[in-house]
Amino acid sequence: MRFLKKLIIQNRFLNDLVFNKGLFIKFNLRQLLFNLAINFLSGKKQGKFSFAHFSSQIIKPENIILQGKNKGSFSSFVLSGGCYIQGGNGVTIGDNVIFAPRVSIISANHGDDREKSWVTDSSKSVIIGDDCWLGVGCTLLPGSRIPNGCTVGAGAVVNKAFTEENMLIVGVPAKAIKKNKE
């Protein structure tokens, strides 16, 4: 046991997985390894997010930033299935963001010409603050901003930037309806 602990502490990759991303705390090691194996065997090109749930799809992973050192967002990527994250114009995900299944984050629209697949506009990036919860089947469209501590309800379609923190955001199109308890 001491050998294993020493190995984890000395190895930068293992140290990050265990102590920063909570490998043995928030989710099952078996699920992480299963996701890695299925993504590898199926040939999914998810880049740095190869640990994401095997049923999730991540497009343009180089434009997606997963912030923070806590365990929440990393664990959520491993466990939440059926998510679709498209990083065309950039996606920034804060610390401790919880994804429910089938969350869609779309940061770029299709162009009207056949040569370009997406309209590139950095002002249309999607930004999710710290300690947010994204409910089942919600969709975040280009230009969406979710401030710290907000909850996005199941099935909501967010198509604009919200500014007030700790709000409950619901509906189609989404509206902030009440303040969350802090």
Protein backbone atom coordinates (compact mmCIF):
# COMPACT_ATOMS: atom_id res chain seq x y z
CA MET A 1 0.00 0.00 0.00
CA ARG A 2 2.85 2.39 0.81
CA PHE A 3 4.44 1.64 -2.56
CA LEU A 4 1.20 2.52 -4.37
CA LYS A 5 0.82 5.77 -2.42
CA LYS A 6 4.43 6.74 -3.13
CA LEU A 7 3.99 5.93 -6.83
CA ILE A 8 0.87 8.12 -7.06
CA ILE A 9 2.50 11.03 -5.24
CA GLN A 10 5.66 10.98 -7.38
CA ASN A 11 3.95 10.52 -10.76
CA ARG A 12 2.54 13.87 -12.01
CA PHE A 13 -0.23 12.26 -14.13
CA LEU A 14 -1.42 9.86 -11.41
CA ASN A 15 -1.15 12.59 -8.75
CA ASP A 16 -3.39 14.87 -10.84
CA LEU A 17 -5.93 12.09 -11.45
CA VAL A 18 -6.18 11.02 -7.82
CA PHE A 19 -5.80 14.25 -5.85
CA ASN A 20 -7.08 16.97 -8.21
CA LYS A 21 -9.66 15.13 -10.27
CA GLY A 22 -10.85 12.81 -7.52
CA LEU A 23 -10.42 9.54 -9.35
CA PHE A 24 -11.39 7.40 -6.37
CA ILE A 25 -13.82 9.83 -4.79
CA LYS A 26 -16.50 11.03 -7.19
CA PHE A 27 -16.82 8.08 -9.55
CA ASN A 28 -15.80 4.55 -10.17
CA LEU A 29 -12.36 3.83 -11.66
CA ARG A 30 -14.02 1.07 -13.66
CA GLN A 31 -16.23 3.64 -15.46
CA LEU A 32 -13.22 5.80 -16.37
CA LEU A 33 -11.26 2.85 -17.75
CA PHE A 34 -14.33 1.58 -19.61
CA ASN A 35 -14.83 5.01 -21.24
CA LEU A 36 -11.16 5.17 -22.26
CA ALA A 37 -11.29 1.67 -23.75
CA ILE A 38 -14.56 2.14 -25.65
CA ASN A 39 -13.51 5.56 -27.00
CA PHE A 40 -10.18 4.11 -28.15
CA LEU A 41 -11.68 0.97 -29.72
CA SER A 42 -14.44 2.91 -31.49
CA GLY A 43 -11.93 5.38 -32.91
CA LYS A 44 -13.55 8.46 -31.38
CA LYS A 45 -11.34 11.51 -31.77
CA GLN A 46 -12.17 13.38 -28.57
CA GLY A 47 -8.64 14.60 -27.95
CA LYS A 48 -7.94 15.57 -24.36
CA PHE A 49 -11.49 14.45 -23.44
CA SER A 50 -10.96 10.78 -24.26
CA PHE A 51 -12.11 10.02 -20.69
CA ALA A 52 -15.59 11.45 -21.44
CA HIS A 53 -18.56 9.08 -21.28
CA PHE A 54 -18.47 6.74 -24.27
CA SER A 55 -21.95 7.84 -25.43
CA SER A 56 -21.02 11.54 -25.42
CA GLN A 57 -19.73 13.36 -28.48
CA ILE A 58 -17.14 16.14 -28.29
CA ILE A 59 -16.35 18.13 -31.44
CA LYS A 60 -13.35 20.50 -31.66
CA PRO A 61 -11.99 19.55 -28.20
CA GLU A 62 -9.03 21.90 -28.68
CA ASN A 63 -11.46 24.85 -28.26
CA ILE A 64 -12.91 23.57 -24.98
CA ILE A 65 -11.41 24.73 -21.70
CA LEU A 66 -12.14 22.82 -18.50
CA GLN A 67 -11.17 25.16 -15.65
CA GLY A 68 -10.42 24.55 -12.00
CA LYS A 69 -8.69 21.94 -9.92
CA ASN A 70 -11.69 20.43 -8.13
CA LYS A 71 -13.31 17.13 -8.96
CA GLY A 72 -16.79 18.13 -10.14
CA SER A 73 -16.48 18.91 -13.86
CA PHE A 74 -14.06 16.06 -14.59
CA SER A 75 -16.30 13.54 -12.81
CA SER A 76 -19.34 14.83 -14.64
CA PHE A 77 -17.67 14.29 -18.02
CA VAL A 78 -16.92 10.69 -17.03
CA LEU A 79 -20.40 9.84 -15.74
CA SER A 80 -22.93 11.85 -17.80
CA GLY A 81 -23.90 10.10 -20.99
CA GLY A 82 -25.34 11.35 -24.25
CA CYS A 83 -23.83 14.84 -24.03
CA TYR A 84 -22.98 16.79 -27.19
CA ILE A 85 -20.35 19.51 -26.87
CA GLN A 86 -19.28 21.44 -29.97
CA GLY A 87 -16.36 23.79 -29.40
CA GLY A 88 -16.42 25.62 -32.74
CA ASN A 89 -16.20 29.14 -31.27
CA GLY A 90 -14.91 28.06 -27.88
CA VAL A 91 -16.46 26.68 -24.70
CA THR A 92 -15.23 27.52 -21.21
CA ILE A 93 -16.50 25.29 -18.40
CA GLY A 94 -15.93 26.46 -14.83
CA ASP A 95 -15.05 24.48 -11.75
CA ASN A 96 -17.53 21.99 -10.22
CA VAL A 97 -20.02 22.10 -13.11
CA ILE A 98 -22.42 19.15 -13.00
CA PHE A 99 -23.80 17.79 -16.27
CA ALA A 100 -26.95 15.71 -16.36
CA PRO A 101 -27.37 13.31 -19.29
CA ARG A 102 -28.03 14.64 -22.82
CA VAL A 103 -26.73 18.19 -22.24
CA SER A 104 -25.93 19.99 -25.52
CA ILE A 105 -23.47 22.86 -25.76
CA ILE A 106 -23.25 24.39 -29.22
CA SER A 107 -20.89 27.32 -29.73
CA ALA A 108 -21.03 27.84 -33.51
CA ASN A 109 -23.77 27.98 -36.14
CA HIS A 110 -23.52 26.61 -39.66
CA GLY A 111 -22.52 29.01 -42.42
CA ASP A 112 -24.61 29.59 -45.53
CA ASP A 113 -21.83 28.58 -47.93
CA ARG A 114 -20.71 25.02 -48.55
CA GLU A 115 -17.00 25.76 -48.05
CA LYS A 116 -17.23 26.68 -44.37
CA SER A 117 -18.82 24.32 -41.89
CA TRP A 118 -19.20 26.86 -39.06
CA VAL A 119 -19.39 30.61 -38.71
CA THR A 120 -16.38 31.56 -36.58
CA ASP A 121 -17.05 34.40 -34.15
CA SER A 122 -15.26 34.51 -30.78
CA SER A 123 -18.05 36.66 -29.29
CA LYS A 124 -20.34 33.65 -29.68
CA SER A 125 -18.36 31.40 -27.35
CA VAL A 126 -20.20 29.66 -24.53
CA ILE A 127 -19.09 30.38 -20.95
CA ILE A 128 -20.28 28.40 -17.92
CA GLY A 129 -19.29 29.69 -14.48
CA ASP A 130 -18.26 27.76 -11.38
CA ASP A 131 -20.63 25.57 -9.33
CA CYS A 132 -23.36 25.33 -11.99
CA TRP A 133 -25.76 22.50 -12.64
CA LEU A 134 -26.99 21.76 -16.17
CA GLY A 135 -30.24 19.76 -16.12
CA VAL A 136 -31.25 16.83 -18.32
CA GLY A 137 -31.52 17.68 -22.00
CA CYS A 138 -30.79 21.40 -21.70
CA THR A 139 -29.22 23.17 -24.68
CA LEU A 140 -26.77 26.09 -24.60
CA LEU A 141 -26.57 27.94 -27.92
CA PRO A 142 -23.84 30.28 -29.28
CA GLY A 143 -23.26 33.33 -27.06
CA SER A 144 -24.74 31.72 -23.93
CA ARG A 145 -23.33 32.77 -20.58
CA ILE A 146 -24.20 30.99 -17.35
CA PRO A 147 -22.88 32.87 -14.26
CA ASN A 148 -21.50 31.19 -11.13
CA GLY A 149 -23.89 29.12 -9.04
CA CYS A 150 -26.73 28.93 -11.58
CA THR A 151 -28.96 25.95 -12.24
CA VAL A 152 -30.28 25.38 -15.77
CA GLY A 153 -33.53 23.41 -15.71
CA ALA A 154 -34.23 20.25 -17.67
CA GLY A 155 -35.01 20.90 -21.33
CA ALA A 156 -34.18 24.63 -21.18
CA VAL A 157 -32.80 26.33 -24.28
CA VAL A 158 -30.33 29.08 -23.35
CA ASN A 159 -29.77 31.53 -26.21
CA LYS A 160 -28.40 34.62 -24.43
CA ALA A 161 -25.99 35.80 -21.77
CA PHE A 162 -27.22 35.92 -18.19
CA THR A 163 -25.44 38.16 -15.71
CA GLU A 164 -26.87 37.55 -12.23
CA GLU A 165 -25.30 34.75 -10.21
CA ASN A 166 -27.12 31.98 -8.30
CA MET A 167 -30.25 31.97 -10.46
CA LEU A 168 -32.60 29.22 -11.62
CA ILE A 169 -32.77 29.39 -15.43
CA VAL A 170 -35.65 27.54 -17.13
CA GLY A 171 -37.84 27.51 -20.22
CA VAL A 172 -37.75 27.79 -24.00
CA PRO A 173 -36.26 30.33 -24.51
CA ALA A 174 -34.64 30.33 -21.09
CA LYS A 175 -35.43 32.97 -18.45
CA ALA A 176 -34.04 33.48 -14.96
CA ILE A 177 -36.99 32.96 -12.63
CA LYS A 178 -35.68 32.98 -9.07
CA LYS A 179 -32.59 33.20 -6.92
CA ASN A 180 -31.03 29.91 -5.78
CA LYS A 181 -30.33 29.47 -2.09
CA GLU A 182 -26.65 30.09 -1.44
